Protein backbone atom coordinates (compact mmCIF):
# COMPACT_ATOMS: atom_id res chain seq x y z
CA MET A 1 0.09 -0.11 0.38
CA ILE A 2 1.23 3.31 -0.72
CA PHE A 3 0.42 6.16 1.78
CA ILE A 4 0.51 9.67 0.42
CA SER A 5 0.42 13.01 2.39
CA HIS A 6 -2.47 15.34 1.03
CA ARG A 7 -0.01 18.68 0.78
CA GLY A 8 2.13 17.60 3.61
CA ASN A 9 -0.78 16.74 6.01
CA THR A 10 -0.38 13.75 8.28
CA SER A 11 -2.86 14.00 11.00
CA GLY A 12 -5.38 16.52 10.03
CA ARG A 13 -5.47 20.11 7.67
CA ASP A 14 -3.06 22.48 8.65
CA GLU A 15 -3.82 25.33 5.97
CA ALA A 16 -1.20 27.69 6.92
CA ARG A 17 1.43 24.94 6.35
CA GLU A 18 0.14 23.00 3.24
CA ASN A 19 2.61 22.82 0.40
CA HIS A 20 5.18 24.40 2.17
CA PRO A 21 8.50 22.91 1.31
CA GLU A 22 9.57 22.06 4.80
CA TYR A 23 6.15 20.90 5.72
CA ILE A 24 6.48 18.26 2.96
CA ASP A 25 9.68 17.12 4.10
CA LEU A 26 8.31 16.46 7.58
CA ALA A 27 6.09 14.12 5.83
CA ILE A 28 8.44 12.11 3.71
CA ALA A 29 10.47 12.04 6.90
CA GLN A 30 7.84 10.44 8.36
CA GLY A 31 7.86 7.70 5.56
CA PHE A 32 5.05 8.96 3.72
CA ASP A 33 5.02 9.79 -0.15
CA ALA A 34 3.26 13.70 -0.46
CA GLU A 35 1.05 15.05 -3.01
CA ILE A 36 1.71 18.50 -4.14
CA ASP A 37 0.30 21.54 -5.90
CA VAL A 38 2.53 22.62 -8.38
CA TRP A 39 2.56 25.95 -10.69
CA ALA A 40 5.09 26.86 -13.36
CA LYS A 41 5.08 30.72 -14.28
CA GLY A 42 7.94 32.02 -16.67
CA GLY A 43 9.95 28.83 -16.21
CA GLU A 44 9.65 29.17 -12.16
CA ILE A 45 8.09 26.47 -9.94
CA TRP A 46 6.02 27.41 -7.13
CA LEU A 47 4.07 25.26 -4.74
CA GLY A 48 0.55 26.39 -3.28
CA HIS A 49 -3.08 25.16 -3.88
CA ASP A 50 -4.93 28.36 -5.13
CA ARG A 51 -1.99 30.34 -6.28
CA PRO A 52 1.89 30.16 -6.30
CA GLU A 53 3.42 30.63 -2.78
CA HIS A 54 6.42 28.71 -2.25
CA LYS A 55 9.19 29.01 -4.88
CA ILE A 56 11.07 25.71 -5.51
CA ASP A 57 13.35 24.67 -8.26
CA LEU A 58 13.60 21.30 -10.40
CA GLU A 59 16.94 20.55 -7.92
CA TRP A 60 14.49 20.30 -4.91
CA LEU A 61 12.09 18.04 -6.95
CA SER A 62 14.60 15.75 -8.46
CA ARG A 63 15.97 15.33 -4.74
CA ARG A 64 12.37 14.21 -3.90
CA LYS A 65 11.36 12.66 -7.17
CA GLY A 66 10.54 9.35 -5.87
CA ARG A 67 8.16 10.43 -3.15
CA ILE A 68 6.40 13.50 -4.82
CA TRP A 69 3.00 13.25 -6.66
CA ALA A 70 2.74 16.23 -8.30
CA HIS A 71 -0.65 18.05 -9.10
CA CYS A 72 -0.03 20.29 -11.96
CA LYS A 73 -2.22 23.45 -11.54
CA ASN A 74 -1.82 24.86 -14.60
CA SER A 75 -0.71 23.65 -18.10
CA GLU A 76 2.95 25.40 -17.97
CA ALA A 77 3.54 22.78 -15.18
CA ALA A 78 2.82 19.80 -17.08
CA SER A 79 4.75 20.72 -19.97
CA LEU A 80 7.71 21.77 -18.22
CA PHE A 81 7.74 18.50 -16.36
CA LYS A 82 7.18 16.45 -19.51
CA LYS A 83 9.96 18.40 -21.19
CA LYS A 84 12.49 18.65 -18.16
CA MET A 85 11.62 16.28 -15.54
CA PRO A 86 9.73 13.23 -17.23
CA GLU A 87 10.88 10.97 -14.22
CA LEU A 88 8.60 12.93 -11.88
CA ASN A 89 5.09 11.19 -11.17
CA PHE A 90 2.89 14.17 -12.05
CA PHE A 91 -0.77 14.72 -13.31
CA TRP A 92 -3.31 17.36 -13.75
CA HIS A 93 -7.03 17.31 -12.75
CA GLN A 94 -9.98 18.96 -11.74
CA GLN A 95 -12.93 16.99 -10.99
CA ASP A 96 -12.33 14.05 -13.28
CA ASP A 97 -13.70 10.59 -11.98
CA LEU A 98 -10.29 9.63 -12.71
CA VAL A 99 -6.90 10.43 -14.10
CA MET A 100 -3.52 8.47 -15.28
CA THR A 101 -0.37 10.00 -13.67
CA SER A 102 2.67 10.27 -15.78
CA LYS A 103 3.72 6.62 -14.09
CA GLY A 104 0.61 5.24 -15.10
CA HIS A 105 -1.01 5.22 -11.52
CA ILE A 106 -4.88 5.68 -11.56
CA TRP A 107 -5.70 8.77 -9.15
CA ALA A 108 -9.34 8.72 -8.57
CA TYR A 109 -11.50 11.47 -7.29
CA PRO A 110 -13.12 11.02 -3.97
CA GLY A 111 -16.08 9.23 -3.56
CA LYS A 112 -15.30 6.86 -6.71
CA GLN A 113 -14.09 3.83 -5.17
CA PRO A 114 -13.64 1.14 -5.42
CA ILE A 115 -11.27 1.14 -8.44
CA GLU A 116 -9.02 -1.79 -8.50
CA GLY A 117 -5.18 -0.61 -8.66
CA SER A 118 -5.90 3.16 -8.10
CA ILE A 119 -4.76 5.61 -5.51
CA ALA A 120 -8.11 6.58 -3.16
CA VAL A 121 -7.95 10.30 -2.73
CA MET A 122 -9.43 11.76 0.29
CA PRO A 123 -11.47 8.58 1.38
CA GLU A 124 -12.58 9.91 4.45
CA ILE A 125 -14.91 12.31 3.00
CA PHE A 126 -17.29 9.61 1.52
CA GLU A 127 -15.83 6.62 3.40
CA ASP A 128 -14.64 5.03 0.29
CA ASP A 129 -14.14 1.26 -0.06
CA LEU A 130 -10.46 0.60 0.05
CA SER A 131 -10.32 -3.08 -0.68
CA GLU A 132 -8.94 -2.48 -4.31
CA CYS A 133 -6.76 0.48 -4.25
CA GLU A 134 -2.77 0.29 -4.43
CA GLY A 135 -2.61 3.77 -2.51
CA ILE A 136 -4.15 6.23 -0.26
CA CYS A 137 -3.92 9.92 -0.53
CA SER A 138 -5.24 11.96 2.43
CA ASP A 139 -5.10 14.76 5.29
CA PHE A 140 -5.04 12.02 7.89
CA ILE A 141 -2.60 9.64 6.16
CA GLU A 142 -1.08 8.58 9.63
CA GLU A 143 -4.16 7.37 10.64
CA LYS A 144 -5.23 5.41 7.49
CA ARG A 145 -1.68 3.74 7.79
CA LYS A 146 -2.12 2.59 11.18
CA GLN A 147 -5.36 1.24 10.15
CA PHE A 148 -4.02 -0.77 7.28
CA GLU A 149 -1.28 -1.91 9.64
CA SER A 150 -4.09 -3.27 11.60
CA ARG A 151 -5.84 -4.55 8.92
CA GLU A 152 -8.92 -2.40 9.68
CA ILE A 153 -8.73 -1.13 5.56
């Protein structure tokens, strides 16, 4: 099972810290992958949900590429990653039922489970059936990992 911190959150939402590079690193240090919201503007890369907030660079992403799930927030970000960092796992979606990430993972919108081999996003919203997923992305990923380890999922 893949456990993915949503924007760096591990034990609930912390809107003030979401998508901050240090917060993402804390989640990774706890053994989680991390979903991040990424913008590109004029060749610069930024983290932030509703707007670019925290400037990063390709080097920052490269050092974490095996643990990052990059949600492209604009088409420039997707184009930049395809051209300059194809090894990064990235995707674009809004409210699609599901999308495929650049690494071939099924990223499923909340409430759409069960989908065999998918990443269940925010399953706590609709109490999704997680029996067929290969991963979970949640603000409460620490709790989800404990449930999985005790086989409650």
